[in-house]
């Protein structure tokens, strides 16, 4: 994805500020001026935010239980521009027929973000209702991945579920959520 123009960066910053202002429950006691100063000074973070926004992630600032701050995908459903992907590159290479266009892990690395882990996914769900119709790949422990599996989550019946699937599987309704620390 090409670097955004100055106009696109200004539009992005405007969108991020509006989203920040519309969802104070995600980042209590945090000011936009502190956040904008940090991201405007880091070109690679702006590029990650641009890519998150362009792929439907609707990134916003969230306060993590550790006290840290992160930009995280807060779209109601798994980002639409990051679906139909298998879990990682070994899974993509192992697939013999009907290969997807890529993998969640590789795309997240390319974007400069990380997949949410289970704890962060569960925390995100305390800030709103996400993945009511879709699901999202999450970081998978090596012990599961070595056996060919990968984890994904969603929210159904008012409960957050963690499931497993073959890492080489992919579905139109499964994508991934990412984040980066501020």
N, C-alpha and C. Protein backbone atom coordinates (compact mmCIF):
# COMPACT_ATOMS: atom_id res chain seq x y z
N UNK A 1 0.84 -1.17 0.00
CA UNK A 1 0.00 0.00 0.00
C UNK A 1 0.90 1.24 0.00
N UNK A 2 0.65 2.19 -0.89
CA UNK A 2 1.50 3.39 -0.95
C UNK A 2 1.32 4.27 0.27
N UNK A 3 2.33 5.10 0.53
CA UNK A 3 2.24 6.03 1.65
C UNK A 3 1.12 7.03 1.40
N UNK A 4 0.44 7.44 2.46
CA UNK A 4 -0.65 8.40 2.29
C UNK A 4 -0.11 9.80 1.97
N UNK A 5 -0.89 10.55 1.23
CA UNK A 5 -0.54 11.94 0.94
C UNK A 5 -0.77 12.79 2.19
N UNK A 6 -0.30 14.03 2.15
CA UNK A 6 -0.52 14.93 3.29
C UNK A 6 -2.00 15.14 3.54
N UNK A 7 -2.77 15.27 2.46
CA UNK A 7 -4.22 15.43 2.60
C UNK A 7 -4.85 14.19 3.24
N UNK A 8 -4.40 13.00 2.83
CA UNK A 8 -4.93 11.77 3.42
C UNK A 8 -4.58 11.67 4.91
N UNK A 9 -3.39 12.12 5.27
CA UNK A 9 -2.99 12.11 6.69
C UNK A 9 -3.88 13.05 7.49
N UNK A 10 -4.13 14.24 6.95
CA UNK A 10 -5.01 15.19 7.65
C UNK A 10 -6.42 14.63 7.80
N UNK A 11 -6.93 13.99 6.75
CA UNK A 11 -8.26 13.35 6.82
C UNK A 11 -8.27 12.23 7.87
N UNK A 12 -7.19 11.45 7.88
CA UNK A 12 -7.09 10.37 8.85
C UNK A 12 -7.08 10.92 10.27
N UNK A 13 -6.27 11.93 10.53
CA UNK A 13 -6.21 12.52 11.87
C UNK A 13 -7.56 13.08 12.29
N UNK A 14 -8.28 13.67 11.36
CA UNK A 14 -9.61 14.19 11.65
C UNK A 14 -10.57 13.05 12.01
N UNK A 15 -10.52 11.98 11.26
CA UNK A 15 -11.36 10.81 11.52
C UNK A 15 -11.04 10.20 12.88
N UNK A 16 -9.73 10.07 13.16
CA UNK A 16 -9.31 9.49 14.44
C UNK A 16 -9.78 10.35 15.62
N UNK A 17 -9.67 11.66 15.47
CA UNK A 17 -10.10 12.56 16.55
C UNK A 17 -11.61 12.45 16.78
N UNK A 18 -12.39 12.41 15.71
CA UNK A 18 -13.84 12.25 15.85
C UNK A 18 -14.18 10.94 16.56
N UNK A 19 -13.52 9.87 16.17
CA UNK A 19 -13.77 8.56 16.79
C UNK A 19 -13.35 8.60 18.27
N UNK A 20 -12.21 9.21 18.53
CA UNK A 20 -11.70 9.36 19.90
C UNK A 20 -12.74 10.09 20.75
N UNK A 21 -13.26 11.19 20.23
CA UNK A 21 -14.25 12.00 20.96
C UNK A 21 -15.58 11.26 21.12
N UNK A 22 -15.95 10.44 20.15
CA UNK A 22 -17.23 9.72 20.19
C UNK A 22 -17.22 8.53 21.16
N UNK A 23 -16.03 8.05 21.55
CA UNK A 23 -15.94 6.84 22.38
C UNK A 23 -15.02 7.05 23.58
N UNK A 24 -15.36 7.98 24.48
CA UNK A 24 -14.49 8.23 25.63
C UNK A 24 -14.36 7.04 26.57
N UNK A 25 -15.31 6.11 26.54
CA UNK A 25 -15.25 4.94 27.40
C UNK A 25 -14.05 4.04 27.09
N UNK A 26 -13.49 4.18 25.92
CA UNK A 26 -12.34 3.36 25.52
C UNK A 26 -11.02 3.89 26.07
N UNK A 27 -11.00 5.15 26.48
CA UNK A 27 -9.72 5.78 26.88
C UNK A 27 -9.96 6.89 27.91
N UNK A 28 -10.52 6.53 29.02
CA UNK A 28 -10.80 7.50 30.07
C UNK A 28 -9.50 8.17 30.52
N UNK A 29 -9.60 9.45 30.79
CA UNK A 29 -8.48 10.24 31.34
C UNK A 29 -7.31 10.39 30.37
N UNK A 30 -7.57 10.27 29.08
CA UNK A 30 -6.53 10.44 28.05
C UNK A 30 -6.96 11.61 27.17
N UNK A 31 -6.02 12.48 26.84
CA UNK A 31 -6.36 13.63 25.99
C UNK A 31 -5.91 13.37 24.55
N UNK A 32 -6.69 13.87 23.61
CA UNK A 32 -6.34 13.72 22.20
C UNK A 32 -5.03 14.43 21.88
N UNK A 33 -4.76 15.55 22.50
CA UNK A 33 -3.53 16.28 22.19
C UNK A 33 -2.29 15.45 22.51
N UNK A 34 -2.33 14.69 23.60
CA UNK A 34 -1.19 13.81 23.93
C UNK A 34 -1.03 12.71 22.88
N UNK A 35 -2.14 12.15 22.45
CA UNK A 35 -2.09 11.07 21.45
C UNK A 35 -1.63 11.60 20.11
N UNK A 36 -2.21 12.70 19.66
CA UNK A 36 -1.87 13.22 18.33
C UNK A 36 -0.40 13.63 18.26
N UNK A 37 0.13 14.18 19.33
CA UNK A 37 1.55 14.55 19.35
C UNK A 37 2.43 13.32 19.14
N UNK A 38 2.07 12.23 19.80
CA UNK A 38 2.87 10.99 19.69
C UNK A 38 2.79 10.39 18.28
N UNK A 39 1.59 10.33 17.71
CA UNK A 39 1.49 9.66 16.42
C UNK A 39 1.98 10.53 15.27
N UNK A 40 1.81 11.83 15.37
CA UNK A 40 2.29 12.71 14.30
C UNK A 40 3.81 12.71 14.22
N UNK A 41 4.47 12.37 15.32
CA UNK A 41 5.93 12.33 15.35
C UNK A 41 6.49 11.00 14.86
N UNK A 42 5.63 10.03 14.62
CA UNK A 42 6.08 8.69 14.23
C UNK A 42 5.45 8.29 12.91
N UNK A 43 6.20 8.49 11.83
CA UNK A 43 5.68 8.22 10.48
C UNK A 43 5.21 6.78 10.31
N UNK A 44 5.94 5.82 10.89
CA UNK A 44 5.56 4.41 10.74
C UNK A 44 4.22 4.13 11.43
N UNK A 45 3.94 4.84 12.52
CA UNK A 45 2.65 4.66 13.22
C UNK A 45 1.51 5.25 12.37
N UNK A 46 1.77 6.38 11.74
CA UNK A 46 0.76 6.97 10.85
C UNK A 46 0.45 6.03 9.69
N UNK A 47 1.48 5.40 9.14
CA UNK A 47 1.27 4.45 8.04
C UNK A 47 0.44 3.25 8.52
N UNK A 48 0.75 2.75 9.72
CA UNK A 48 -0.03 1.64 10.27
C UNK A 48 -1.49 2.05 10.46
N UNK A 49 -1.70 3.24 11.02
CA UNK A 49 -3.07 3.73 11.22
C UNK A 49 -3.81 3.90 9.91
N UNK A 50 -3.11 4.41 8.90
CA UNK A 50 -3.71 4.57 7.58
C UNK A 50 -4.15 3.22 7.03
N UNK A 51 -3.29 2.22 7.15
CA UNK A 51 -3.62 0.89 6.65
C UNK A 51 -4.75 0.25 7.46
N UNK A 52 -4.74 0.46 8.78
CA UNK A 52 -5.82 -0.05 9.61
C UNK A 52 -7.16 0.55 9.17
N UNK A 53 -7.15 1.85 8.94
CA UNK A 53 -8.38 2.54 8.53
C UNK A 53 -8.81 2.10 7.13
N UNK A 54 -7.86 2.00 6.20
CA UNK A 54 -8.19 1.63 4.82
C UNK A 54 -8.75 0.22 4.71
N UNK A 55 -8.40 -0.66 5.64
CA UNK A 55 -8.88 -2.04 5.59
C UNK A 55 -10.10 -2.26 6.49
N UNK A 56 -10.68 -1.17 6.99
CA UNK A 56 -11.93 -1.27 7.73
C UNK A 56 -11.80 -1.48 9.23
N UNK A 57 -10.63 -1.26 9.80
CA UNK A 57 -10.43 -1.53 11.22
C UNK A 57 -10.99 -0.50 12.18
N UNK A 58 -11.22 0.73 11.70
CA UNK A 58 -11.70 1.80 12.56
C UNK A 58 -10.89 1.90 13.85
N UNK A 59 -9.57 2.14 13.73
CA UNK A 59 -8.72 2.16 14.92
C UNK A 59 -9.09 3.29 15.88
N UNK A 60 -8.95 2.98 17.16
CA UNK A 60 -9.17 3.96 18.22
C UNK A 60 -8.22 3.63 19.36
N UNK A 61 -8.02 4.60 20.23
CA UNK A 61 -7.17 4.43 21.39
C UNK A 61 -7.94 3.65 22.44
N UNK A 62 -7.29 2.63 23.01
CA UNK A 62 -7.87 1.93 24.15
C UNK A 62 -6.84 1.91 25.28
N UNK A 63 -7.34 1.98 26.49
CA UNK A 63 -6.50 1.81 27.67
C UNK A 63 -6.48 0.32 27.98
N UNK A 64 -5.29 -0.23 28.12
CA UNK A 64 -5.14 -1.65 28.41
C UNK A 64 -5.14 -1.86 29.92
N UNK A 65 -5.49 -3.05 30.39
CA UNK A 65 -5.47 -3.32 31.83
C UNK A 65 -4.11 -3.06 32.48
N UNK A 66 -3.04 -3.19 31.71
CA UNK A 66 -1.68 -2.95 32.21
C UNK A 66 -1.42 -1.47 32.44
N UNK A 67 -2.33 -0.62 31.95
CA UNK A 67 -2.13 0.82 32.05
C UNK A 67 -1.57 1.43 30.78
N UNK A 68 -1.15 0.59 29.84
CA UNK A 68 -0.63 1.08 28.57
C UNK A 68 -1.74 1.54 27.66
N UNK A 69 -1.34 2.26 26.62
CA UNK A 69 -2.28 2.73 25.60
C UNK A 69 -1.94 2.08 24.28
N UNK A 70 -2.97 1.78 23.51
CA UNK A 70 -2.77 1.18 22.19
C UNK A 70 -3.80 1.71 21.22
N UNK A 71 -3.44 1.76 19.96
CA UNK A 71 -4.42 1.92 18.90
C UNK A 71 -4.85 0.52 18.54
N UNK A 72 -6.16 0.28 18.55
CA UNK A 72 -6.70 -1.06 18.33
C UNK A 72 -7.85 -0.97 17.35
N UNK A 73 -8.04 -2.01 16.54
CA UNK A 73 -9.18 -2.08 15.63
C UNK A 73 -10.46 -2.16 16.46
N UNK A 74 -11.33 -1.19 16.28
CA UNK A 74 -12.59 -1.12 17.03
C UNK A 74 -13.81 -1.18 16.13
N UNK A 75 -13.66 -1.67 14.91
CA UNK A 75 -14.83 -1.84 14.04
C UNK A 75 -15.76 -2.86 14.69
N UNK A 76 -17.05 -2.67 14.52
CA UNK A 76 -18.03 -3.56 15.15
C UNK A 76 -17.79 -5.01 14.71
N UNK A 77 -17.55 -5.21 13.43
CA UNK A 77 -17.25 -6.55 12.92
C UNK A 77 -15.77 -6.61 12.53
N UNK A 78 -15.26 -7.81 12.38
CA UNK A 78 -13.86 -7.99 11.99
C UNK A 78 -13.60 -7.16 10.73
N UNK A 79 -12.48 -6.45 10.66
CA UNK A 79 -12.24 -5.54 9.53
C UNK A 79 -12.48 -6.19 8.17
N UNK A 80 -13.33 -5.57 7.39
CA UNK A 80 -13.79 -6.14 6.13
C UNK A 80 -12.67 -6.33 5.11
N UNK A 81 -11.64 -5.51 5.15
CA UNK A 81 -10.54 -5.63 4.21
C UNK A 81 -9.47 -6.62 4.64
N UNK A 82 -9.74 -7.35 5.72
CA UNK A 82 -8.77 -8.32 6.24
C UNK A 82 -9.44 -9.65 6.54
N UNK A 83 -10.32 -10.06 5.68
CA UNK A 83 -11.01 -11.34 5.87
C UNK A 83 -10.58 -12.33 4.80
N UNK A 84 -11.05 -13.56 4.95
CA UNK A 84 -10.72 -14.64 4.01
C UNK A 84 -9.22 -14.91 3.96
N UNK A 85 -8.59 -14.87 5.12
CA UNK A 85 -7.16 -15.14 5.24
C UNK A 85 -6.96 -16.34 6.15
N UNK A 86 -5.99 -17.20 5.81
CA UNK A 86 -5.65 -18.26 6.74
C UNK A 86 -4.81 -17.63 7.87
N UNK A 87 -4.38 -18.43 8.83
CA UNK A 87 -3.73 -17.88 10.01
C UNK A 87 -2.33 -17.33 9.73
N UNK A 88 -1.43 -18.15 9.17
CA UNK A 88 -0.05 -17.71 8.98
C UNK A 88 0.53 -18.27 7.68
N UNK A 89 1.76 -17.90 7.37
CA UNK A 89 2.39 -18.32 6.12
C UNK A 89 2.60 -19.83 6.01
N UNK A 90 3.04 -20.53 7.06
CA UNK A 90 3.14 -22.00 6.93
C UNK A 90 1.80 -22.64 6.58
N UNK A 91 0.70 -22.11 7.13
CA UNK A 91 -0.62 -22.64 6.79
C UNK A 91 -0.96 -22.34 5.34
N UNK A 92 -0.61 -21.15 4.87
CA UNK A 92 -0.87 -20.78 3.48
C UNK A 92 -0.08 -21.69 2.53
N UNK A 93 1.18 -21.93 2.85
CA UNK A 93 2.03 -22.79 2.01
C UNK A 93 1.55 -24.23 2.01
N UNK A 94 0.99 -24.69 3.12
CA UNK A 94 0.54 -26.07 3.23
C UNK A 94 -0.76 -26.33 2.47
N UNK A 95 -1.48 -25.27 2.20
CA UNK A 95 -2.77 -25.42 1.53
C UNK A 95 -2.54 -25.78 0.06
N UNK A 96 -3.13 -26.86 -0.38
CA UNK A 96 -2.92 -27.33 -1.74
C UNK A 96 -3.94 -26.76 -2.73
N UNK A 97 -5.19 -26.63 -2.33
CA UNK A 97 -6.25 -26.16 -3.22
C UNK A 97 -6.90 -24.92 -2.63
N UNK A 98 -7.45 -24.10 -3.51
CA UNK A 98 -8.23 -22.93 -3.09
C UNK A 98 -7.52 -22.08 -2.04
N UNK A 99 -6.29 -21.72 -2.35
CA UNK A 99 -5.51 -20.91 -1.41
C UNK A 99 -6.14 -19.53 -1.26
N UNK A 100 -6.15 -19.02 -0.02
CA UNK A 100 -6.58 -17.64 0.17
C UNK A 100 -5.50 -16.69 -0.36
N UNK A 101 -5.80 -15.40 -0.37
CA UNK A 101 -4.85 -14.43 -0.89
C UNK A 101 -3.68 -14.17 0.04
N UNK A 102 -3.79 -14.59 1.30
CA UNK A 102 -2.70 -14.34 2.24
C UNK A 102 -3.03 -14.87 3.61
N UNK A 103 -2.24 -14.40 4.58
CA UNK A 103 -2.43 -14.84 5.96
C UNK A 103 -2.55 -13.65 6.89
N UNK A 104 -3.24 -13.89 8.00
CA UNK A 104 -3.44 -12.83 9.00
C UNK A 104 -2.11 -12.39 9.62
N UNK A 105 -1.26 -13.33 9.96
CA UNK A 105 0.00 -12.98 10.60
C UNK A 105 0.89 -12.16 9.66
N UNK A 106 1.01 -12.59 8.42
CA UNK A 106 1.86 -11.87 7.46
C UNK A 106 1.32 -10.46 7.19
N UNK A 107 0.01 -10.33 7.02
CA UNK A 107 -0.56 -9.02 6.75
C UNK A 107 -0.41 -8.10 7.96
N UNK A 108 -0.60 -8.64 9.16
CA UNK A 108 -0.43 -7.80 10.35
C UNK A 108 1.01 -7.31 10.46
N UNK A 109 1.96 -8.17 10.18
CA UNK A 109 3.38 -7.76 10.22
C UNK A 109 3.65 -6.69 9.17
N UNK A 110 3.10 -6.87 7.98
CA UNK A 110 3.28 -5.90 6.90
C UNK A 110 2.69 -4.54 7.31
N UNK A 111 1.62 -4.55 8.06
CA UNK A 111 0.95 -3.33 8.49
C UNK A 111 1.60 -2.70 9.73
N UNK A 112 2.51 -3.41 10.37
CA UNK A 112 3.15 -2.89 11.57
C UNK A 112 2.28 -2.99 12.82
N UNK A 113 1.39 -3.99 12.83
CA UNK A 113 0.52 -4.21 13.98
C UNK A 113 0.64 -5.66 14.40
N UNK A 114 0.11 -5.98 15.59
CA UNK A 114 0.11 -7.36 16.05
C UNK A 114 -1.33 -7.83 16.22
N UNK A 115 -1.55 -9.11 16.01
CA UNK A 115 -2.85 -9.70 16.28
C UNK A 115 -3.13 -9.58 17.77
N UNK A 116 -4.40 -9.42 18.12
CA UNK A 116 -4.75 -9.39 19.53
C UNK A 116 -4.52 -10.77 20.14
N UNK A 117 -4.11 -10.78 21.39
CA UNK A 117 -4.07 -12.05 22.11
C UNK A 117 -5.43 -12.24 22.80
N UNK A 118 -5.64 -13.38 23.43
CA UNK A 118 -6.95 -13.65 24.02
C UNK A 118 -7.32 -12.64 25.09
N UNK A 119 -6.37 -12.28 25.95
CA UNK A 119 -6.68 -11.33 27.02
C UNK A 119 -7.07 -9.96 26.47
N UNK A 120 -6.36 -9.50 25.45
CA UNK A 120 -6.68 -8.19 24.87
C UNK A 120 -8.02 -8.25 24.14
N UNK A 121 -8.28 -9.36 23.46
CA UNK A 121 -9.59 -9.51 22.80
C UNK A 121 -10.71 -9.45 23.82
N UNK A 122 -10.56 -10.15 24.93
CA UNK A 122 -11.58 -10.14 25.98
C UNK A 122 -11.72 -8.73 26.57
N UNK A 123 -10.61 -8.04 26.74
CA UNK A 123 -10.67 -6.66 27.25
C UNK A 123 -11.41 -5.75 26.26
N UNK A 124 -11.10 -5.88 24.98
CA UNK A 124 -11.80 -5.08 23.98
C UNK A 124 -13.31 -5.27 24.10
N UNK A 125 -13.72 -6.48 24.36
CA UNK A 125 -15.16 -6.77 24.47
C UNK A 125 -15.80 -6.10 25.68
N UNK A 126 -15.02 -5.65 26.65
CA UNK A 126 -15.58 -4.89 27.77
C UNK A 126 -15.86 -3.45 27.37
N UNK A 127 -15.32 -3.02 26.23
CA UNK A 127 -15.45 -1.65 25.76
C UNK A 127 -16.56 -1.49 24.72
N UNK A 128 -17.20 -2.59 24.36
CA UNK A 128 -18.26 -2.58 23.36
C UNK A 128 -18.59 -4.01 22.95
N UNK A 129 -19.52 -4.15 22.04
CA UNK A 129 -19.91 -5.46 21.52
C UNK A 129 -19.32 -5.62 20.12
N UNK A 130 -18.36 -6.51 19.97
CA UNK A 130 -17.63 -6.70 18.72
C UNK A 130 -17.79 -8.14 18.22
N UNK A 131 -17.68 -8.30 16.91
CA UNK A 131 -17.73 -9.63 16.27
C UNK A 131 -19.02 -10.37 16.60
N UNK A 132 -20.15 -9.69 16.40
CA UNK A 132 -21.45 -10.34 16.63
C UNK A 132 -21.86 -11.22 15.45
N UNK A 133 -21.30 -10.94 14.26
CA UNK A 133 -21.61 -11.71 13.06
C UNK A 133 -20.36 -12.29 12.41
N UNK A 134 -19.19 -11.83 12.83
CA UNK A 134 -17.93 -12.28 12.25
C UNK A 134 -17.08 -12.89 13.36
N UNK A 135 -15.88 -13.31 13.01
CA UNK A 135 -14.92 -13.79 14.00
C UNK A 135 -13.54 -13.26 13.63
N UNK A 136 -12.62 -13.32 14.59
CA UNK A 136 -11.28 -12.77 14.37
C UNK A 136 -10.21 -13.74 14.86
N UNK A 137 -9.22 -13.98 14.00
CA UNK A 137 -8.05 -14.75 14.42
C UNK A 137 -7.38 -14.01 15.58
N UNK A 138 -6.82 -14.75 16.53
CA UNK A 138 -6.03 -14.15 17.61
C UNK A 138 -4.69 -14.88 17.68
N UNK A 139 -3.76 -14.29 18.41
CA UNK A 139 -2.45 -14.93 18.58
C UNK A 139 -2.66 -16.32 19.16
N UNK A 140 -1.95 -17.27 18.59
CA UNK A 140 -2.11 -18.67 18.95
C UNK A 140 -0.84 -19.19 19.61
N UNK A 141 -0.96 -19.84 20.76
CA UNK A 141 0.23 -20.42 21.42
C UNK A 141 0.93 -21.43 20.50
N UNK A 142 2.24 -21.47 20.60
CA UNK A 142 3.03 -22.40 19.78
C UNK A 142 2.59 -23.84 19.96
N UNK A 143 2.19 -24.22 21.17
CA UNK A 143 1.78 -25.62 21.40
C UNK A 143 0.57 -26.00 20.56
N UNK A 144 -0.31 -25.06 20.30
CA UNK A 144 -1.47 -25.32 19.44
C UNK A 144 -1.06 -25.22 17.97
N UNK A 145 -0.28 -24.21 17.66
CA UNK A 145 0.12 -24.00 16.27
C UNK A 145 0.96 -25.16 15.74
N UNK A 146 1.82 -25.73 16.56
CA UNK A 146 2.66 -26.86 16.14
C UNK A 146 1.84 -28.09 15.77
N UNK A 147 0.62 -28.14 16.23
CA UNK A 147 -0.26 -29.27 15.91
C UNK A 147 -1.20 -28.94 14.76
N UNK A 148 -0.97 -27.78 14.11
CA UNK A 148 -1.75 -27.41 12.94
C UNK A 148 -2.96 -26.52 13.22
N UNK A 149 -3.18 -26.18 14.47
CA UNK A 149 -4.36 -25.39 14.82
C UNK A 149 -4.06 -23.92 14.99
N UNK A 150 -5.11 -23.14 15.09
CA UNK A 150 -5.03 -21.71 15.37
C UNK A 150 -6.33 -21.32 16.08
N UNK A 151 -6.26 -20.21 16.82
CA UNK A 151 -7.40 -19.76 17.61
C UNK A 151 -8.10 -18.56 16.98
N UNK A 152 -9.40 -18.48 17.18
CA UNK A 152 -10.16 -17.30 16.79
C UNK A 152 -11.26 -17.07 17.82
N UNK A 153 -11.81 -15.87 17.83
CA UNK A 153 -12.82 -15.49 18.82
C UNK A 153 -14.00 -14.81 18.14
N UNK A 154 -15.11 -14.81 18.86
CA UNK A 154 -16.26 -14.00 18.49
C UNK A 154 -17.13 -13.81 19.71
N UNK A 155 -18.21 -13.07 19.52
CA UNK A 155 -19.17 -12.83 20.61
C UNK A 155 -20.54 -13.28 20.14
N UNK A 156 -21.11 -14.24 20.86
CA UNK A 156 -22.44 -14.75 20.56
C UNK A 156 -23.18 -14.94 21.88
N UNK A 157 -24.48 -14.70 21.86
CA UNK A 157 -25.31 -14.93 23.05
C UNK A 157 -24.79 -14.18 24.28
N UNK A 158 -24.17 -13.02 24.05
CA UNK A 158 -23.65 -12.23 25.15
C UNK A 158 -22.41 -12.83 25.80
N UNK A 159 -21.75 -13.74 25.12
CA UNK A 159 -20.56 -14.42 25.67
C UNK A 159 -19.43 -14.37 24.65
N UNK A 160 -18.20 -14.26 25.13
CA UNK A 160 -17.03 -14.27 24.25
C UNK A 160 -16.53 -15.71 24.16
N UNK A 161 -16.46 -16.21 22.94
CA UNK A 161 -16.02 -17.57 22.71
C UNK A 161 -14.64 -17.59 22.08
N UNK A 162 -13.83 -18.54 22.49
CA UNK A 162 -12.54 -18.82 21.87
C UNK A 162 -12.66 -20.21 21.26
N UNK A 163 -12.35 -20.30 19.97
CA UNK A 163 -12.45 -21.56 19.24
C UNK A 163 -11.11 -21.92 18.62
N UNK A 164 -11.08 -23.10 18.05
CA UNK A 164 -9.90 -23.53 17.30
C UNK A 164 -10.35 -23.98 15.92
N UNK A 165 -9.42 -23.93 15.01
CA UNK A 165 -9.67 -24.39 13.64
C UNK A 165 -8.31 -24.74 13.06
N UNK A 166 -8.30 -25.43 11.94
CA UNK A 166 -7.05 -25.63 11.24
C UNK A 166 -6.51 -24.28 10.81
N UNK A 167 -5.22 -24.06 10.99
CA UNK A 167 -4.62 -22.76 10.65
C UNK A 167 -4.75 -22.44 9.17
N UNK A 168 -4.95 -23.46 8.34
CA UNK A 168 -5.07 -23.23 6.90
C UNK A 168 -6.50 -22.91 6.47
N UNK A 169 -7.44 -22.91 7.41
CA UNK A 169 -8.82 -22.59 7.05
C UNK A 169 -8.98 -21.09 6.86
N UNK A 170 -9.99 -20.73 6.12
CA UNK A 170 -10.32 -19.31 5.94
C UNK A 170 -11.78 -19.20 5.56
N UNK A 171 -12.38 -18.09 6.01
CA UNK A 171 -13.81 -17.88 5.79
C UNK A 171 -14.06 -16.41 5.49
N UNK A 172 -15.11 -16.15 4.74
CA UNK A 172 -15.45 -14.77 4.37
C UNK A 172 -15.81 -13.93 5.59
N UNK A 173 -16.23 -14.58 6.67
CA UNK A 173 -16.63 -13.85 7.87
C UNK A 173 -15.54 -13.87 8.95
N UNK A 174 -14.34 -14.35 8.63
CA UNK A 174 -13.26 -14.35 9.63
C UNK A 174 -12.11 -13.49 9.14
N UNK A 175 -11.74 -12.55 9.97
CA UNK A 175 -10.60 -11.68 9.69
C UNK A 175 -9.67 -11.65 10.88
N UNK A 176 -9.09 -10.50 11.12
CA UNK A 176 -8.27 -10.34 12.32
C UNK A 176 -8.30 -8.90 12.77
N UNK A 177 -8.14 -8.72 14.05
CA UNK A 177 -8.02 -7.41 14.67
C UNK A 177 -6.56 -7.22 15.10
N UNK A 178 -6.08 -6.01 14.92
CA UNK A 178 -4.71 -5.74 15.31
C UNK A 178 -4.60 -4.51 16.17
N UNK A 179 -3.38 -4.30 16.67
CA UNK A 179 -3.12 -3.15 17.52
C UNK A 179 -1.64 -2.83 17.51
N UNK A 180 -1.31 -1.65 17.99
CA UNK A 180 0.08 -1.32 18.30
C UNK A 180 0.08 -0.40 19.51
N UNK A 181 1.13 -0.50 20.29
CA UNK A 181 1.26 0.32 21.50
C UNK A 181 1.62 1.75 21.12
N UNK A 182 1.11 2.68 21.90
CA UNK A 182 1.42 4.10 21.66
C UNK A 182 2.57 4.50 22.58
